[in-house]
Amino acid sequence: MKTSLSRDYQSFPMVIVVGILIILVLFLTSFNDLSLINHTFQQSGHGAHNANPYQKDICFIHIGKSSGNTIVEGIKSLMKNGGIGNVVQIHGKHAGIHETYFQTVTTTTSKGELKYTVGHNYDKYKSPIGYSPSALVACASTKHVLLWVRDPITRFISTWNFNEHFKNKEVLQLAREMDLIANNSSNANNVDLNYVLDKLRNTFSNNTKNGILNEKFNSEERGFDKFYHLFKIVDHATTNTNFELQEAVDDNPSNSRTRASMKGSCEQMVNFLPIWFVGRTEHFDEDWKAFEDKTIQKEFAIIPKHMHKTPRQGIELKSANLHFLRKFFAKEYECLQYIASKGWLPNDYIHSISNNYTSYYY
């Protein structure tokens, strides 16, 4: 009996050791998984989930000249006042911008009032959305993707006027090389949009297939190459809704395969991303209020300050040039129509930006 009891005591430490080893293996496995998850969120600018369920994280896909800077300042203000949590922005040629905004939170406990500081991250990634896996992960991880769109023609006119007003030297130089500055211009540095489009429309009408200019890009047609390059160097002219929702793009504007290297599609990205809200520049105040009503608690609501207002000459865009531009931006119209088909834009909005009786002025 004594011998049997001794054996039991001898085996007991072994049971403890095996148990500790099992617990240790489970712990290390869990730690590894958590490290992987945390690594993913660090890539996306989110070191941890937002602790406040009322503060939604937002990914803003910023389409140029579509109230983008106004939106950025608006959502930064909402970060600072505690209305929303972390923010990811997809926009432009540069990435790696990181800012942290701190908010003081006051709560009441059984021992009295407690104050603590919470930090929210703002991270900016290069566009388009699928340019890098980290940007795509960052955006999708917020679970709330915000888009703000605009009539492709007014968006293009806005970016043209912006470049014209601030005298983009690269645009002026190429325009001179292409003889696109009107001889009767009172200003030698004035690039008149109708004059440019008249010449381009007449020169390149034979170089199109099915009327879709931006689908046919042949490096041997040097004039057409320059035509596309002219539009590309006008800031934001070609980085439209369709571009921003692409998976990848060759970033070299002189590469004749630029269009062929586009991957994915607007439709695929719209179906993949967790879209939360789509606003319209033409209905900014109405849509901003709708966004806030859906996203934040009422006490955090703000009225964002409009950031840019570029002056216009007040000249009407010719009808032939309007149709020419609509052909050039055909893919963007298709993208907007698809977004509307998914219920994110009203159908009457699509009609308002594609009818044949609206006049446009630059």
Foldseek 3Di string as FASTA:
>chain_A
DVVVVVVVVVCVVVVVVVVVVVVVVVVVVVVVVVVVVQVLCVLLFHNDDDPDPQAAEEEEEAQAQQLRVLVVVQVVLLCQAVFHAAYEYEDDDDFDDKDKHKYWDWDADPVGIDIDIDIGMYGYDYDQQQADPSSVSSRQVSLEYEAEAEQLVVSLVVLVLVCLVVVVPVLQVLCVVVVQCDPPDPDSSGRDPQSNLVVCCVVCVVVDDPLQLVQDFDVVVVVSLSVVVSQVPSPSNPCHLFRSQWNHFDPDSNDSCGNVPTDDTLLVSVVPGSYHAYHYSVCVVVRLVVVSVRRGDPVSDDDGDRDDDRDFPFAWRDLVSVVSVCSHCVRVLVSVVSCVVVPRDPPVVSCVSDPSPDIDGD
